[in-house]
Structure formats: C-alpha cells, structure tokens
Amino acid sequence: MDSSALFNRDRYVVLRSWLPERQLSFVYRYVNKLAARGLMRPSDAQVPGTPCGSGDWIIDGLLSDVLPEVEKASGLRLFPTYAYFRVYKPGDILKSHTDRPSCEVSVTLCLGYSAPAPWPIWIVGPCSRSEVSLEPGDVLLYRGIECEHWREPFVGEHQAQVFLHYVDKNGPHADWKYDRRPALASSFKP
C-alpha cells in the first residue's frame, strides 16, 4: 500500500529517510546554534522551559520546499500554514493532545538527537495506537486535528524537532492558509 493510501486509512504514516542528509544536517546545525545562542523563545505553554521558535525564514523555507513531497505522501493538495521547532531537553514531555485547525495535516521531523535511543512519539488513529521512533530525517505525517499524540519523558541530552503544518486546499480549514498571516516568513518581501 502506498503512503497516501496508508495516510487515508490510518490518518498517519511514517516516512523513513525523508529529508536528504545535506538539508537535514544544515537545518539541525542551524536550530542547535539558535538554541545555544539563546536566539529562540525560551518556552511555550505546551513544553514549558524548552527553546522553541516559529516564523523563522529558514524553517518556513523548509515548509515550502517539502510541500510537493507532503502532497504526494498525503494524496492531498495543501496550503502551508506555519512551521515550528523545538530543542527538547532532559525530562521534557509532550502531553496528549490534538492540534488546532491550522495543523490539519502535520509533519513531525526528527532533525537529530543526543540520546541513547530515539525518543518515541505516540499516536492514535481510527485503526491503531502506535509508538513511533524517528531517526534523523524520518517523519511522521499525520492528521493533527484528528489523531491524539504525545511523548513520554525524554531521556537524553537534547532532541531537535521541526513541525510543518498544512491544510487541505479543498477542506473545511483552507482559510487557515499561512496561519491567517499575509504570507510565510520565507515568502514575505518588505
């Protein structure tokens, strides 16, 4: 069964070695440098005390660059909404939740980690509940507003993760294009 059929049936699909190594290592180094230099927000409500960011022109560029692959894997025509990233630290958890409308179709991309093993994400779709371990470059493509997902406490030094969000061009959340901003950071021309 191809990825779009699995995505349609299960509401999520794992794609291995999805981001090319050159692009992956660039983004991983970039995000880690932002965190090390204190250039990310120090926290958000979902994972307090953990560096995070959005509206970044490089990460928004990734959101746009991979759009054709996300459309192919999901079988949908999509609008990008926003990208988000975090550098998780020891003990971090991600409480069980579903996402807001601008996360109708989401990608969680493991950029890299320093830990004894991959940090699993749990996801529940209509057909199954799965523990998914992602290596650098692997993604979980999922219906964020339908599939409950979470992470148990992180054991390791750090994990850099990017979240890319989209909405179905023909779906009920199409008005969330660009997360209701005039443009993505990467497409904004002053």
N, C-alpha and C. Protein backbone atom coordinates (compact mmCIF):
# COMPACT_ATOMS: atom_id res chain seq x y z
N MET A 1 0.85 -1.17 0.00
CA MET A 1 0.00 0.00 0.00
C MET A 1 0.90 1.24 0.00
N ASP A 2 0.59 2.21 -0.84
CA ASP A 2 1.42 3.42 -0.89
C ASP A 2 1.10 4.35 0.28
N SER A 3 1.96 5.36 0.47
CA SER A 3 1.83 6.24 1.65
C SER A 3 0.49 6.97 1.68
N SER A 4 -0.01 7.43 0.55
CA SER A 4 -1.27 8.17 0.58
C SER A 4 -2.44 7.27 0.98
N ALA A 5 -2.42 5.99 0.56
CA ALA A 5 -3.47 5.05 0.96
C ALA A 5 -3.39 4.76 2.46
N LEU A 6 -2.18 4.58 2.98
CA LEU A 6 -2.00 4.36 4.42
C LEU A 6 -2.44 5.59 5.21
N PHE A 7 -2.06 6.78 4.72
CA PHE A 7 -2.43 8.02 5.38
C PHE A 7 -3.96 8.17 5.41
N ASN A 8 -4.60 7.87 4.31
CA ASN A 8 -6.06 7.97 4.23
C ASN A 8 -6.74 6.98 5.17
N ARG A 9 -6.20 5.77 5.25
CA ARG A 9 -6.80 4.75 6.11
C ARG A 9 -6.53 4.99 7.60
N ASP A 10 -5.24 5.18 7.94
CA ASP A 10 -4.83 5.24 9.34
C ASP A 10 -4.80 6.67 9.90
N ARG A 11 -4.80 7.67 9.03
CA ARG A 11 -4.71 9.09 9.38
C ARG A 11 -3.29 9.50 9.76
N TYR A 12 -2.34 8.58 9.61
CA TYR A 12 -0.92 8.89 9.78
C TYR A 12 -0.09 7.85 9.03
N VAL A 13 1.14 8.24 8.73
CA VAL A 13 2.08 7.33 8.06
C VAL A 13 3.50 7.76 8.43
N VAL A 14 4.39 6.80 8.58
CA VAL A 14 5.80 7.07 8.86
C VAL A 14 6.57 7.00 7.55
N LEU A 15 7.41 7.99 7.31
CA LEU A 15 8.23 8.05 6.11
C LEU A 15 9.70 8.09 6.54
N ARG A 16 10.44 7.07 6.18
CA ARG A 16 11.84 6.94 6.61
C ARG A 16 12.79 7.65 5.65
N SER A 17 13.86 8.20 6.21
CA SER A 17 14.91 8.88 5.43
C SER A 17 14.29 9.87 4.45
N TRP A 18 13.37 10.65 4.93
CA TRP A 18 12.56 11.52 4.10
C TRP A 18 13.28 12.80 3.69
N LEU A 19 14.03 13.38 4.60
CA LEU A 19 14.75 14.61 4.28
C LEU A 19 16.18 14.26 3.90
N PRO A 20 16.65 14.74 2.75
CA PRO A 20 18.02 14.43 2.32
C PRO A 20 19.06 14.88 3.35
N GLU A 21 20.12 14.10 3.48
CA GLU A 21 21.15 14.32 4.50
C GLU A 21 21.71 15.74 4.49
N ARG A 22 22.00 16.29 3.34
CA ARG A 22 22.60 17.63 3.27
C ARG A 22 21.66 18.68 3.87
N GLN A 23 20.40 18.62 3.50
CA GLN A 23 19.41 19.56 4.02
C GLN A 23 19.17 19.30 5.52
N LEU A 24 19.10 18.03 5.89
CA LEU A 24 18.89 17.65 7.28
C LEU A 24 20.01 18.19 8.17
N SER A 25 21.25 17.96 7.81
CA SER A 25 22.36 18.40 8.66
C SER A 25 22.44 19.92 8.74
N PHE A 26 22.11 20.62 7.65
CA PHE A 26 22.09 22.08 7.69
C PHE A 26 21.06 22.59 8.70
N VAL A 27 19.83 22.08 8.61
CA VAL A 27 18.76 22.55 9.49
C VAL A 27 19.04 22.16 10.95
N TYR A 28 19.58 20.97 11.18
CA TYR A 28 19.92 20.52 12.53
C TYR A 28 20.97 21.44 13.15
N ARG A 29 22.02 21.72 12.42
CA ARG A 29 23.06 22.63 12.93
C ARG A 29 22.49 24.02 13.18
N TYR A 30 21.67 24.51 12.28
CA TYR A 30 21.07 25.84 12.39
C TYR A 30 20.22 25.96 13.66
N VAL A 31 19.32 24.99 13.87
CA VAL A 31 18.43 25.03 15.04
C VAL A 31 19.24 24.93 16.33
N ASN A 32 20.23 24.05 16.37
CA ASN A 32 21.07 23.92 17.57
C ASN A 32 21.85 25.19 17.86
N LYS A 33 22.31 25.88 16.82
CA LYS A 33 23.03 27.16 17.03
C LYS A 33 22.08 28.22 17.59
N LEU A 34 20.87 28.27 17.07
CA LEU A 34 19.89 29.22 17.61
C LEU A 34 19.66 28.96 19.10
N ALA A 35 19.49 27.69 19.47
CA ALA A 35 19.25 27.33 20.87
C ALA A 35 20.47 27.67 21.73
N ALA A 36 21.66 27.32 21.26
CA ALA A 36 22.89 27.55 22.04
C ALA A 36 23.15 29.03 22.26
N ARG A 37 22.76 29.86 21.31
CA ARG A 37 22.98 31.30 21.41
C ARG A 37 21.83 32.04 22.07
N GLY A 38 20.83 31.31 22.51
CA GLY A 38 19.68 31.93 23.17
C GLY A 38 18.81 32.74 22.22
N LEU A 39 18.77 32.35 20.95
CA LEU A 39 18.02 33.11 19.95
C LEU A 39 16.64 32.53 19.66
N MET A 40 16.21 31.59 20.49
CA MET A 40 14.87 31.04 20.36
C MET A 40 14.05 31.52 21.56
N ARG A 41 12.74 31.44 21.43
CA ARG A 41 11.91 31.73 22.61
C ARG A 41 12.30 30.74 23.70
N PRO A 42 12.34 31.16 24.94
CA PRO A 42 12.78 30.25 25.99
C PRO A 42 11.74 29.21 26.40
N SER A 43 10.49 29.35 25.90
CA SER A 43 9.45 28.48 26.40
C SER A 43 8.17 28.66 25.60
N ASP A 44 7.27 27.71 25.74
CA ASP A 44 5.88 27.88 25.29
C ASP A 44 4.98 27.14 26.28
N ALA A 45 3.69 27.29 26.14
CA ALA A 45 2.77 26.68 27.10
C ALA A 45 2.75 25.16 27.00
N GLN A 46 3.04 24.63 25.82
CA GLN A 46 2.95 23.19 25.64
C GLN A 46 4.12 22.44 26.28
N VAL A 47 5.33 22.99 26.18
CA VAL A 47 6.51 22.37 26.78
C VAL A 47 7.29 23.48 27.50
N PRO A 48 6.87 23.83 28.72
CA PRO A 48 7.49 24.94 29.44
C PRO A 48 9.00 24.74 29.64
N GLY A 49 9.72 25.84 29.47
CA GLY A 49 11.16 25.84 29.71
C GLY A 49 12.00 25.25 28.60
N THR A 50 11.40 25.01 27.43
CA THR A 50 12.11 24.40 26.32
C THR A 50 12.21 25.38 25.16
N PRO A 51 13.43 25.59 24.62
CA PRO A 51 13.60 26.52 23.50
C PRO A 51 12.74 26.13 22.30
N CYS A 52 12.10 27.13 21.70
CA CYS A 52 11.20 26.90 20.58
C CYS A 52 11.19 28.11 19.66
N GLY A 53 10.63 27.93 18.48
CA GLY A 53 10.56 29.05 17.56
C GLY A 53 9.58 28.82 16.43
N SER A 54 9.16 29.93 15.82
CA SER A 54 8.30 29.90 14.63
C SER A 54 8.54 31.20 13.87
N GLY A 55 8.01 31.25 12.65
CA GLY A 55 8.18 32.45 11.84
C GLY A 55 9.61 32.66 11.37
N ASP A 56 10.42 31.63 11.42
CA ASP A 56 11.81 31.71 11.01
C ASP A 56 11.90 31.49 9.50
N TRP A 57 12.65 32.32 8.81
CA TRP A 57 12.66 32.24 7.34
C TRP A 57 13.28 30.95 6.83
N ILE A 58 14.23 30.37 7.52
CA ILE A 58 14.82 29.10 7.06
C ILE A 58 13.84 27.94 7.29
N ILE A 59 13.22 27.91 8.44
CA ILE A 59 12.28 26.82 8.73
C ILE A 59 11.01 26.98 7.90
N ASP A 60 10.53 28.21 7.71
CA ASP A 60 9.40 28.42 6.81
C ASP A 60 9.77 28.05 5.37
N GLY A 61 11.04 28.26 5.00
CA GLY A 61 11.52 27.83 3.68
C GLY A 61 11.41 26.32 3.53
N LEU A 62 11.75 25.58 4.58
CA LEU A 62 11.61 24.13 4.57
C LEU A 62 10.14 23.74 4.39
N LEU A 63 9.25 24.43 5.10
CA LEU A 63 7.81 24.20 4.99
C LEU A 63 7.36 24.29 3.52
N SER A 64 7.87 25.28 2.81
CA SER A 64 7.53 25.47 1.39
C SER A 64 8.24 24.45 0.50
N ASP A 65 9.52 24.22 0.78
CA ASP A 65 10.33 23.33 -0.07
C ASP A 65 9.78 21.91 -0.13
N VAL A 66 9.29 21.39 0.97
CA VAL A 66 8.85 19.99 1.02
C VAL A 66 7.36 19.83 0.69
N LEU A 67 6.67 20.92 0.42
CA LEU A 67 5.23 20.85 0.12
C LEU A 67 4.90 19.81 -0.95
N PRO A 68 5.62 19.73 -2.08
CA PRO A 68 5.27 18.71 -3.09
C PRO A 68 5.38 17.28 -2.55
N GLU A 69 6.37 17.01 -1.71
CA GLU A 69 6.51 15.67 -1.14
C GLU A 69 5.40 15.35 -0.14
N VAL A 70 4.99 16.37 0.64
CA VAL A 70 3.90 16.17 1.59
C VAL A 70 2.59 15.92 0.83
N GLU A 71 2.38 16.66 -0.25
CA GLU A 71 1.18 16.44 -1.06
C GLU A 71 1.17 15.03 -1.66
N LYS A 72 2.30 14.59 -2.16
CA LYS A 72 2.39 13.25 -2.74
C LYS A 72 2.12 12.18 -1.69
N ALA A 73 2.75 12.32 -0.51
CA ALA A 73 2.60 11.32 0.54
C ALA A 73 1.20 11.28 1.13
N SER A 74 0.52 12.44 1.16
CA SER A 74 -0.82 12.51 1.74
C SER A 74 -1.92 12.30 0.71
N GLY A 75 -1.61 12.52 -0.56
CA GLY A 75 -2.62 12.44 -1.60
C GLY A 75 -3.54 13.64 -1.63
N LEU A 76 -3.12 14.74 -0.98
CA LEU A 76 -3.95 15.95 -0.89
C LEU A 76 -3.25 17.13 -1.52
N ARG A 77 -4.03 18.11 -1.96
CA ARG A 77 -3.49 19.41 -2.37
C ARG A 77 -3.55 20.29 -1.13
N LEU A 78 -2.42 20.91 -0.78
CA LEU A 78 -2.30 21.58 0.52
C LEU A 78 -1.86 23.03 0.41
N PHE A 79 -2.27 23.81 1.40
CA PHE A 79 -1.71 25.13 1.66
C PHE A 79 -0.79 25.01 2.87
N PRO A 80 0.38 25.65 2.85
CA PRO A 80 1.19 25.69 4.07
C PRO A 80 0.55 26.65 5.08
N THR A 81 0.70 26.34 6.37
CA THR A 81 0.18 27.25 7.39
C THR A 81 1.33 27.84 8.21
N TYR A 82 2.08 26.99 8.90
CA TYR A 82 3.22 27.50 9.66
C TYR A 82 4.16 26.36 10.02
N ALA A 83 5.36 26.73 10.41
CA ALA A 83 6.37 25.77 10.88
C ALA A 83 6.76 26.17 12.30
N TYR A 84 7.14 25.17 13.08
CA TYR A 84 7.51 25.37 14.47
C TYR A 84 8.67 24.45 14.76
N PHE A 85 9.51 24.80 15.70
CA PHE A 85 10.61 23.92 16.05
C PHE A 85 10.95 24.04 17.53
N ARG A 86 11.50 22.94 18.05
CA ARG A 86 11.91 22.90 19.45
C ARG A 86 13.22 22.14 19.57
N VAL A 87 13.96 22.47 20.62
CA VAL A 87 15.11 21.66 21.02
C VAL A 87 14.78 21.17 22.43
N TYR A 88 14.31 19.93 22.48
CA TYR A 88 13.89 19.32 23.75
C TYR A 88 15.10 19.04 24.63
N LYS A 89 14.84 19.05 25.94
CA LYS A 89 15.88 18.82 26.93
C LYS A 89 15.49 17.64 27.83
N PRO A 90 16.40 17.17 28.68
CA PRO A 90 16.08 16.02 29.53
C PRO A 90 14.80 16.22 30.34
N GLY A 91 13.97 15.17 30.35
CA GLY A 91 12.75 15.18 31.15
C GLY A 91 11.54 15.80 30.47
N ASP A 92 11.72 16.45 29.32
CA ASP A 92 10.58 17.05 28.64
C ASP A 92 9.54 16.00 28.28
N ILE A 93 8.29 16.41 28.36
CA ILE A 93 7.18 15.57 27.91
C ILE A 93 6.31 16.41 26.98
N LEU A 94 5.52 15.73 26.20
CA LEU A 94 4.52 16.37 25.36
C LEU A 94 3.20 15.72 25.77
N LYS A 95 2.36 16.50 26.42
CA LYS A 95 1.08 15.96 26.91
C LYS A 95 0.20 15.54 25.73
N SER A 96 -0.64 14.57 25.99
CA SER A 96 -1.57 14.07 24.99
C SER A 96 -2.48 15.21 24.52
N HIS A 97 -2.59 15.35 23.19
CA HIS A 97 -3.40 16.43 22.64
C HIS A 97 -3.72 16.17 21.17
N THR A 98 -4.66 16.93 20.66
CA THR A 98 -4.85 17.09 19.22
C THR A 98 -4.56 18.55 18.94
N ASP A 99 -4.40 18.88 17.67
CA ASP A 99 -3.95 20.21 17.30
C ASP A 99 -5.09 21.11 16.83
N ARG A 100 -4.75 22.38 16.67
CA ARG A 100 -5.72 23.37 16.22
C ARG A 100 -5.94 23.27 14.70
N PRO A 101 -6.93 23.98 14.14
CA PRO A 101 -7.28 23.82 12.72
C PRO A 101 -6.14 24.02 11.72
N SER A 102 -5.19 24.89 12.02
CA SER A 102 -4.11 25.13 11.06
C SER A 102 -3.12 23.96 10.98
N CYS A 103 -3.34 22.93 11.79
CA CYS A 103 -2.48 21.74 11.80
C CYS A 103 -3.25 20.53 11.27
N GLU A 104 -4.11 20.77 10.30
CA GLU A 104 -4.94 19.69 9.75
C GLU A 104 -4.07 18.53 9.27
N VAL A 105 -3.02 18.83 8.54
CA VAL A 105 -2.04 17.84 8.09
C VAL A 105 -0.69 18.30 8.61
N SER A 106 -0.04 17.44 9.39
CA SER A 106 1.21 17.84 10.04
C SER A 106 2.32 16.84 9.78
N VAL A 107 3.53 17.37 9.83
CA VAL A 107 4.74 16.58 9.72
C VAL A 107 5.56 16.87 10.96
N THR A 108 5.96 15.82 11.69
CA THR A 108 6.95 16.00 12.74
C THR A 108 8.23 15.34 12.22
N LEU A 109 9.27 16.13 12.14
CA LEU A 109 10.54 15.73 11.54
C LEU A 109 11.63 15.71 12.58
N CYS A 110 12.25 14.56 12.78
CA CYS A 110 13.39 14.47 13.68
C CYS A 110 14.62 14.99 12.96
N LEU A 111 15.19 16.09 13.50
CA LEU A 111 16.41 16.64 12.92
C LEU A 111 17.65 15.93 13.44
N GLY A 112 17.60 15.53 14.69
CA GLY A 112 18.73 14.84 15.30
C GLY A 112 18.60 14.87 16.80
N TYR A 113 19.43 14.06 17.46
CA TYR A 113 19.36 13.98 18.91
C TYR A 113 20.67 13.49 19.49
N SER A 114 20.83 13.76 20.77
CA SER A 114 21.90 13.19 21.56
C SER A 114 21.19 12.45 22.70
N ALA A 115 21.03 11.14 22.51
CA ALA A 115 20.27 10.30 23.45
C ALA A 115 20.65 8.85 23.20
N PRO A 116 20.41 7.98 24.18
CA PRO A 116 20.76 6.58 23.99
C PRO A 116 19.90 5.85 22.95
N ALA A 117 18.72 6.40 22.65
CA ALA A 117 17.81 5.78 21.68
C ALA A 117 16.87 6.85 21.16
N PRO A 118 16.22 6.59 20.01
CA PRO A 118 15.23 7.54 19.51
C PRO A 118 14.11 7.74 20.54
N TRP A 119 13.58 8.95 20.59
CA TRP A 119 12.51 9.30 21.52
C TRP A 119 11.16 9.08 20.83
N PRO A 120 10.39 8.09 21.25
CA PRO A 120 9.15 7.79 20.54
C PRO A 120 8.07 8.85 20.72
N ILE A 121 7.28 8.97 19.69
CA ILE A 121 6.04 9.74 19.76
C ILE A 121 4.91 8.72 19.66
N TRP A 122 3.90 8.88 20.49
CA TRP A 122 2.73 8.02 20.48
C TRP A 122 1.64 8.70 19.67
N ILE A 123 0.91 7.91 18.89
CA ILE A 123 -0.18 8.46 18.07
C ILE A 123 -1.33 7.47 18.02
N VAL A 124 -2.55 8.02 18.04
CA VAL A 124 -3.75 7.21 17.98
C VAL A 124 -4.57 7.64 16.78
N GLY A 125 -4.79 6.71 15.88
CA GLY A 125 -5.66 6.92 14.73
C GLY A 125 -6.89 6.05 14.87
N PRO A 126 -7.77 6.07 13.88
CA PRO A 126 -9.00 5.28 13.98
C PRO A 126 -8.77 3.77 13.97
N CYS A 127 -7.62 3.32 13.44
CA CYS A 127 -7.35 1.89 13.32
C CYS A 127 -6.33 1.37 14.32
N SER A 128 -5.53 2.27 14.90
CA SER A 128 -4.46 1.77 15.76
C SER A 128 -3.89 2.85 16.66
N ARG A 129 -3.16 2.37 17.65
CA ARG A 129 -2.36 3.21 18.53
C ARG A 129 -0.93 2.73 18.34
N SER A 130 -0.01 3.67 18.04
CA SER A 130 1.35 3.27 17.71
C SER A 130 2.37 4.09 18.47
N GLU A 131 3.48 3.44 18.77
CA GLU A 131 4.67 4.09 19.30
C GLU A 131 5.63 4.19 18.13
N VAL A 132 5.97 5.42 17.73
CA VAL A 132 6.78 5.64 16.53
C VAL A 132 8.12 6.25 16.93
N SER A 133 9.18 5.56 16.60
CA SER A 133 10.53 6.06 16.84
C SER A 133 11.09 6.60 15.53
N LEU A 134 11.53 7.84 15.57
CA LEU A 134 12.05 8.50 14.37
C LEU A 134 13.55 8.74 14.50
N GLU A 135 14.28 8.32 13.49
CA GLU A 135 15.70 8.63 13.38
C GLU A 135 15.82 9.97 12.65
N PRO A 136 16.98 10.61 12.71
CA PRO A 136 17.15 11.86 11.97
C PRO A 136 16.78 11.69 10.49
N GLY A 137 15.94 12.61 10.03
CA GLY A 137 15.47 12.58 8.65
C GLY A 137 14.16 11.85 8.46
N ASP A 138 13.70 11.09 9.46
CA ASP A 138 12.41 10.40 9.40
C ASP A 138 11.30 11.36 9.80
N VAL A 139 10.10 11.12 9.27
CA VAL A 139 8.94 11.94 9.64
C VAL A 139 7.73 11.08 9.95
N LEU A 140 6.88 11.65 10.77
CA LEU A 140 5.54 11.14 10.98
C LEU A 140 4.62 12.17 10.34
N LEU A 141 3.89 11.75 9.31
CA LEU A 141 2.89 12.58 8.65
C LEU A 141 1.54 12.17 9.21
N TYR A 142 0.78 13.13 9.76
CA TYR A 142 -0.44 12.76 10.46
C TYR A 142 -1.49 13.86 10.38
N ARG A 143 -2.72 13.47 10.65
CA ARG A 143 -3.85 14.40 10.75
C ARG A 143 -3.86 14.93 12.18
N GLY A 144 -3.24 16.10 12.37
CA GLY A 144 -3.03 16.66 13.71
C GLY A 144 -4.31 16.98 14.46
N ILE A 145 -5.36 17.33 13.76
CA ILE A 145 -6.60 17.67 14.45
C ILE A 145 -7.46 16.44 14.73
N GLU A 146 -7.08 15.30 14.15
CA GLU A 146 -7.83 14.06 14.37
C GLU A 146 -7.11 13.07 15.28
N CYS A 147 -5.79 13.00 15.17
CA CYS A 147 -5.02 11.98 15.87
C CYS A 147 -4.42 12.52 17.17
N GLU A 148 -4.82 11.93 18.27
CA GLU A 148 -4.22 12.28 19.55
C GLU A 148 -2.76 11.82 19.52
N HIS A 149 -1.85 12.66 20.04
CA HIS A 149 -0.43 12.32 20.05
C HIS A 149 0.24 12.90 21.28
N TRP A 150 1.35 12.26 21.70
CA TRP A 150 2.07 12.67 22.91
C TRP A 150 3.44 12.03 22.95
N ARG A 151 4.24 12.49 23.91
CA ARG A 151 5.55 11.91 24.19
C ARG A 151 5.74 11.79 25.68
N GLU A 152 6.32 10.68 26.10
CA GLU A 152 6.65 10.46 27.49
C GLU A 152 7.99 11.14 27.79
N PRO A 153 8.46 11.18 29.05
CA PRO A 153 9.67 11.94 29.38
C PRO A 153 10.89 11.58 28.51
N PHE A 154 11.55 12.64 28.05
CA PHE A 154 12.74 12.48 27.20
C PHE A 154 13.94 12.09 28.04
N VAL A 155 14.64 11.06 27.58
CA VAL A 155 15.87 10.61 28.22
C VAL A 155 17.01 10.87 27.23
N GLY A 156 17.81 11.87 27.52
CA GLY A 156 18.90 12.21 26.64
C GLY A 156 19.32 13.64 26.90
N GLU A 157 20.28 14.11 26.11
CA GLU A 157 20.79 15.47 26.25
C GLU A 157 19.91 16.48 25.53
N HIS A 158 19.57 16.19 24.27
CA HIS A 158 18.69 17.08 23.50
C HIS A 158 18.11 16.34 22.30
N GLN A 159 17.02 16.87 21.77
CA GLN A 159 16.45 16.41 20.51
C GLN A 159 15.87 17.62 19.80
N ALA A 160 16.31 17.82 18.56
CA ALA A 160 15.79 18.91 17.73
C ALA A 160 14.70 18.35 16.82
N GLN A 161 13.56 19.03 16.84
CA GLN A 161 12.38 18.58 16.11
C GLN A 161 11.75 19.75 15.39
N VAL A 162 11.30 19.51 14.15
CA VAL A 162 10.58 20.52 13.37
C VAL A 162 9.18 20.00 13.10
N PHE A 163 8.22 20.91 13.18
CA PHE A 163 6.82 20.60 12.92
C PHE A 163 6.37 21.46 11.74
N LEU A 164 5.91 20.82 10.69
CA LEU A 164 5.46 21.51 9.49
C LEU A 164 3.96 21.28 9.35
N HIS A 165 3.21 22.36 9.21
CA HIS A 165 1.75 22.25 9.24
C HIS A 165 1.12 22.77 7.95
N TYR A 166 0.03 22.09 7.55
CA TYR A 166 -0.66 22.37 6.30
C TYR A 166 -2.16 22.18 6.48
N VAL A 167 -2.92 22.73 5.54
CA VAL A 167 -4.36 22.49 5.48
C VAL A 167 -4.72 22.05 4.07
N ASP A 168 -5.77 21.25 3.97
CA ASP A 168 -6.28 20.77 2.70
C ASP A 168 -6.87 21.95 1.93
N LYS A 169 -6.41 22.17 0.70
CA LYS A 169 -6.92 23.28 -0.12
C LYS A 169 -8.43 23.16 -0.35
N ASN A 170 -8.94 21.93 -0.33
CA ASN A 170 -10.35 21.69 -0.59
C ASN A 170 -11.11 21.31 0.68
N GLY A 171 -10.51 21.55 1.83
CA GLY A 171 -11.12 21.14 3.09
C GLY A 171 -11.72 22.29 3.88
N PRO A 172 -12.32 21.98 5.01
CA PRO A 172 -13.00 22.99 5.82
C PRO A 172 -12.07 24.00 6.51
N HIS A 173 -10.76 23.73 6.51
CA HIS A 173 -9.82 24.62 7.19
C HIS A 173 -8.92 25.39 6.23
N ALA A 174 -9.29 25.44 4.96
CA ALA A 174 -8.47 26.10 3.94
C ALA A 174 -8.23 27.58 4.26
N ASP A 175 -9.13 28.19 5.01
CA ASP A 175 -8.96 29.60 5.36
C ASP A 175 -7.81 29.83 6.35
N TRP A 176 -7.19 28.74 6.84
CA TRP A 176 -6.03 28.86 7.73
C TRP A 176 -4.72 28.93 6.94
N LYS A 177 -4.78 29.06 5.62
CA LYS A 177 -3.59 29.21 4.79
C LYS A 177 -2.66 30.26 5.43
N TYR A 178 -1.38 29.94 5.53
CA TYR A 178 -0.35 30.80 6.15
C TYR A 178 -0.68 31.12 7.62
N ASP A 179 -1.52 30.30 8.24
CA ASP A 179 -1.94 30.52 9.62
C ASP A 179 -2.63 31.89 9.76
N ARG A 180 -3.31 32.26 8.67
CA ARG A 180 -4.05 33.52 8.56
C ARG A 180 -3.15 34.76 8.61
N ARG A 181 -1.88 34.56 8.24
CA ARG A 181 -0.96 35.69 8.07
C ARG A 181 -0.98 36.09 6.59
N PRO A 182 -0.43 37.25 6.23
CA PRO A 182 -0.42 37.61 4.81
C PRO A 182 0.50 36.73 3.98
N ALA A 183 1.52 36.13 4.61
CA ALA A 183 2.48 35.30 3.88
C ALA A 183 3.32 34.53 4.89
N LEU A 184 4.06 33.55 4.41
CA LEU A 184 5.06 32.89 5.23
C LEU A 184 6.25 33.81 5.39
N ALA A 185 7.05 33.61 6.43
CA ALA A 185 8.25 34.43 6.61
C ALA A 185 9.16 34.35 5.40
N SER A 186 9.28 33.14 4.80
CA SER A 186 10.19 32.96 3.67
C SER A 186 9.69 33.60 2.39
N SER A 187 8.38 33.88 2.29
CA SER A 187 7.85 34.47 1.07
C SER A 187 7.56 35.96 1.24
N PHE A 188 7.77 36.51 2.41
CA PHE A 188 7.49 37.91 2.68
C PHE A 188 8.56 38.80 2.05
N LYS A 189 8.13 39.76 1.27
CA LYS A 189 9.06 40.71 0.64
C LYS A 189 8.75 42.10 1.18
N PRO A 190 9.69 42.71 1.94
CA PRO A 190 9.43 44.04 2.51
C PRO A 190 9.32 45.12 1.44
